[in-house]
C-alpha atoms as a PDB file:
ATOM      1  CA  UNK A   1     165.558 235.780  21.753  1.00  0.00           C
ATOM      2  CA  UNK A   2     162.910 238.308  20.833  1.00  0.00           C
ATOM      3  CA  UNK A   3     159.249 237.491  21.263  1.00  0.00           C
ATOM      4  CA  UNK A   4     157.322 238.600  18.209  1.00  0.00           C
ATOM      5  CA  UNK A   5     153.668 239.518  18.177  1.00  0.00           C
ATOM      6  CA  UNK A   6     151.136 237.170  16.595  1.00  0.00           C
ATOM      7  CA  UNK A   7     150.214 239.884  14.077  1.00  0.00           C
ATOM      8  CA  UNK A   8     153.833 240.205  12.912  1.00  0.00           C
ATOM      9  CA  UNK A   9     154.216 236.444  12.680  1.00  0.00           C
ATOM     10  CA  UNK A  10     151.053 236.277  10.540  1.00  0.00           C
ATOM     11  CA  UNK A  11     152.216 238.873   8.021  1.00  0.00           C
ATOM     12  CA  UNK A  12     155.632 237.204   7.778  1.00  0.00           C
ATOM     13  CA  UNK A  13     153.926 233.849   7.214  1.00  0.00           C
ATOM     14  CA  UNK A  14     151.830 235.435   4.451  1.00  0.00           C
ATOM     15  CA  UNK A  15     154.925 237.066   2.916  1.00  0.00           C
ATOM     16  CA  UNK A  16     156.700 233.723   2.745  1.00  0.00           C
ATOM     17  CA  UNK A  17     154.055 232.529   0.280  1.00  0.00           C
ATOM     18  CA  UNK A  18     155.652 234.735  -2.403  1.00  0.00           C
ATOM     19  CA  UNK A  19     159.298 234.548  -1.323  1.00  0.00           C
ATOM     20  CA  UNK A  20     161.536 231.493  -1.267  1.00  0.00           C
ATOM     21  CA  UNK A  21     163.494 231.035   1.942  1.00  0.00           C
ATOM     22  CA  UNK A  22     167.044 229.745   1.495  1.00  0.00           C
ATOM     23  CA  UNK A  23     169.865 228.765   3.823  1.00  0.00           C
ATOM     24  CA  UNK A  24     173.193 230.549   4.149  1.00  0.00           C
ATOM     25  CA  UNK A  25     174.862 227.638   2.333  1.00  0.00           C
ATOM     26  CA  UNK A  26     172.396 227.848  -0.571  1.00  0.00           C
ATOM     27  CA  UNK A  27     172.922 231.607  -0.727  1.00  0.00           C
ATOM     28  CA  UNK A  28     176.705 231.380  -0.797  1.00  0.00           C
ATOM     29  CA  UNK A  29     176.594 228.667  -3.468  1.00  0.00           C
ATOM     30  CA  UNK A  30     174.265 230.756  -5.636  1.00  0.00           C
ATOM     31  CA  UNK A  31     176.386 233.895  -5.219  1.00  0.00           C
ATOM     32  CA  UNK A  32     179.509 231.940  -6.168  1.00  0.00           C
ATOM     33  CA  UNK A  33     177.950 230.331  -9.233  1.00  0.00           C
ATOM     34  CA  UNK A  34     176.134 233.448 -10.474  1.00  0.00           C
ATOM     35  CA  UNK A  35     178.241 236.637 -10.460  1.00  0.00           C
ATOM     36  CA  UNK A  36     175.119 238.634 -11.406  1.00  0.00           C
ATOM     37  CA  UNK A  37     173.234 237.634  -8.252  1.00  0.00           C
ATOM     38  CA  UNK A  38     173.013 240.268  -5.526  1.00  0.00           C
ATOM     39  CA  UNK A  39     173.196 239.964  -1.754  1.00  0.00           C
ATOM     40  CA  UNK A  40     171.185 242.757  -0.179  1.00  0.00           C
ATOM     41  CA  UNK A  41     171.168 243.691   3.506  1.00  0.00           C
ATOM     42  CA  UNK A  42     167.775 245.208   4.298  1.00  0.00           C
ATOM     43  CA  UNK A  43     168.532 246.086   7.940  1.00  0.00           C
ATOM     44  CA  UNK A  44     168.745 249.619   9.273  1.00  0.00           C
ATOM     45  CA  UNK A  45     171.833 251.618   8.309  1.00  0.00           C
ATOM     46  CA  UNK A  46     173.117 251.504  11.902  1.00  0.00           C
ATOM     47  CA  UNK A  47     172.879 247.692  11.931  1.00  0.00           C
ATOM     48  CA  UNK A  48     174.731 247.452   8.614  1.00  0.00           C
ATOM     49  CA  UNK A  49     177.451 249.773   9.911  1.00  0.00           C
ATOM     50  CA  UNK A  50     178.039 247.506  12.940  1.00  0.00           C
ATOM     51  CA  UNK A  51     178.655 244.507  10.677  1.00  0.00           C
ATOM     52  CA  UNK A  52     177.518 242.954   7.422  1.00  0.00           C
ATOM     53  CA  UNK A  53     178.407 240.138   5.069  1.00  0.00           C
ATOM     54  CA  UNK A  54     181.385 240.969   2.852  1.00  0.00           C
ATOM     55  CA  UNK A  55     180.083 242.151  -0.501  1.00  0.00           C
ATOM     56  CA  UNK A  56     176.545 242.793   0.711  1.00  0.00           C
ATOM     57  CA  UNK A  57     174.832 245.868  -0.643  1.00  0.00           C
ATOM     58  CA  UNK A  58     172.792 247.944   1.791  1.00  0.00           C
ATOM     59  CA  UNK A  59     169.263 248.838   0.742  1.00  0.00           C
ATOM     60  CA  UNK A  60     167.151 249.289   3.859  1.00  0.00           C
ATOM     61  CA  UNK A  61     163.685 247.781   4.054  1.00  0.00           C
ATOM     62  CA  UNK A  62     162.246 251.263   4.394  1.00  0.00           C
ATOM     63  CA  UNK A  63     163.517 252.373   0.969  1.00  0.00           C
ATOM     64  CA  UNK A  64     163.886 249.182  -1.036  1.00  0.00           C
ATOM     65  CA  UNK A  65     160.708 249.705  -3.088  1.00  0.00           C
ATOM     66  CA  UNK A  66     161.875 253.216  -3.966  1.00  0.00           C
ATOM     67  CA  UNK A  67     165.446 252.275  -4.913  1.00  0.00           C
ATOM     68  CA  UNK A  68     165.386 248.734  -6.269  1.00  0.00           C
ATOM     69  CA  UNK A  69     164.511 249.518  -9.902  1.00  0.00           C
ATOM     70  CA  UNK A  70     167.341 252.017 -10.173  1.00  0.00           C
ATOM     71  CA  UNK A  71     169.904 249.726  -8.549  1.00  0.00           C
ATOM     72  CA  UNK A  72     168.625 246.401  -9.928  1.00  0.00           C
ATOM     73  CA  UNK A  73     166.439 247.038 -12.980  1.00  0.00           C
ATOM     74  CA  UNK A  74     166.327 243.412 -14.188  1.00  0.00           C
ATOM     75  CA  UNK A  75     163.308 241.625 -12.647  1.00  0.00           C
ATOM     76  CA  UNK A  76     164.984 238.283 -13.495  1.00  0.00           C
ATOM     77  CA  UNK A  77     168.117 239.004 -11.424  1.00  0.00           C
ATOM     78  CA  UNK A  78     168.590 236.754  -8.408  1.00  0.00           C
ATOM     79  CA  UNK A  79     168.220 238.871  -5.257  1.00  0.00           C
ATOM     80  CA  UNK A  80     169.161 237.377  -1.888  1.00  0.00           C
ATOM     81  CA  UNK A  81     167.843 239.494   0.983  1.00  0.00           C
ATOM     82  CA  UNK A  82     168.843 239.256   4.618  1.00  0.00           C
ATOM     83  CA  UNK A  83     168.033 241.106   7.810  1.00  0.00           C
ATOM     84  CA  UNK A  84     168.712 240.312  11.450  1.00  0.00           C
ATOM     85  CA  UNK A  85     166.761 237.084  11.643  1.00  0.00           C
ATOM     86  CA  UNK A  86     164.720 236.615   8.470  1.00  0.00           C
ATOM     87  CA  UNK A  87     161.471 238.482   9.031  1.00  0.00           C
ATOM     88  CA  UNK A  88     162.199 241.894   7.491  1.00  0.00           C
ATOM     89  CA  UNK A  89     163.850 240.239   4.499  1.00  0.00           C
ATOM     90  CA  UNK A  90     160.700 238.187   3.914  1.00  0.00           C
ATOM     91  CA  UNK A  91     158.554 241.331   4.052  1.00  0.00           C
ATOM     92  CA  UNK A  92     160.907 243.217   1.721  1.00  0.00           C
ATOM     93  CA  UNK A  93     161.007 240.229  -0.605  1.00  0.00           C
ATOM     94  CA  UNK A  94     157.232 240.117  -0.774  1.00  0.00           C
ATOM     95  CA  UNK A  95     157.179 243.770  -1.840  1.00  0.00           C
ATOM     96  CA  UNK A  96     159.737 243.077  -4.579  1.00  0.00           C
ATOM     97  CA  UNK A  97     157.736 240.088  -5.784  1.00  0.00           C
ATOM     98  CA  UNK A  98     154.662 242.321  -6.010  1.00  0.00           C
ATOM     99  CA  UNK A  99     156.783 244.734  -8.086  1.00  0.00           C
ATOM    100  CA  UNK A 100     157.504 241.956 -10.573  1.00  0.00           C
ATOM    101  CA  UNK A 101     160.829 240.579  -9.353  1.00  0.00           C
ATOM    102  CA  UNK A 102     160.788 236.857 -10.057  1.00  0.00           C
ATOM    103  CA  UNK A 103     163.880 235.530  -8.234  1.00  0.00           C
ATOM    104  CA  UNK A 104     163.721 236.968  -4.736  1.00  0.00           C
ATOM    105  CA  UNK A 105     165.047 234.922  -1.828  1.00  0.00           C
ATOM    106  CA  UNK A 106     165.023 235.526   1.925  1.00  0.00           C
ATOM    107  CA  UNK A 107     167.979 234.117   3.853  1.00  0.00           C
ATOM    108  CA  UNK A 108     166.697 232.020   6.757  1.00  0.00           C
ATOM    109  CA  UNK A 109     168.095 233.259  10.050  1.00  0.00           C
ATOM    110  CA  UNK A 110     169.473 236.430   8.474  1.00  0.00           C
ATOM    111  CA  UNK A 111     172.610 238.098   9.814  1.00  0.00           C
ATOM    112  CA  UNK A 112     172.791 235.772  12.805  1.00  0.00           C
ATOM    113  CA  UNK A 113     172.825 232.726  10.517  1.00  0.00           C
ATOM    114  CA  UNK A 114     175.696 234.179   8.463  1.00  0.00           C
ATOM    115  CA  UNK A 115     177.711 234.855  11.633  1.00  0.00           C
ATOM    116  CA  UNK A 116     176.949 231.393  13.034  1.00  0.00           C
ATOM    117  CA  UNK A 117     178.054 229.834   9.728  1.00  0.00           C
ATOM    118  CA  UNK A 118     181.387 231.679   9.883  1.00  0.00           C
ATOM    119  CA  UNK A 119     180.838 233.694   6.708  1.00  0.00           C
ATOM    120  CA  UNK A 120     183.393 236.448   6.290  1.00  0.00           C
ATOM    121  CA  UNK A 121     182.365 239.803   7.691  1.00  0.00           C
ATOM    122  CA  UNK A 122     184.463 242.991   7.645  1.00  0.00           C
ATOM    123  CA  UNK A 123     185.854 244.193  10.953  1.00  0.00           C
END
């Protein structure tokens, strides 16, 4: 497991104050019950290409602020973000919250949690 720097851990902790963290099970339930909710993979393009959750949209953390309003203009839409382990999605979620998005969620454990839970991923 990666060792993260104290500075990174601090900014992630701060980001989590404006983003709700949810489990894979909560995410899948929400996506099933709300067809307008979006699952967004914020990892790098190369990570997404190696594997992603079926139906996940790729909007990398580096461009999400630039592209989100065009792709998801409704600030009330439920947006479920995931990355490799949950840190980048929290940081991206914080940025979206600052932009006025009200229902932004970070999936705890990210990609690894989806895989561990047996969620369908394309081969």
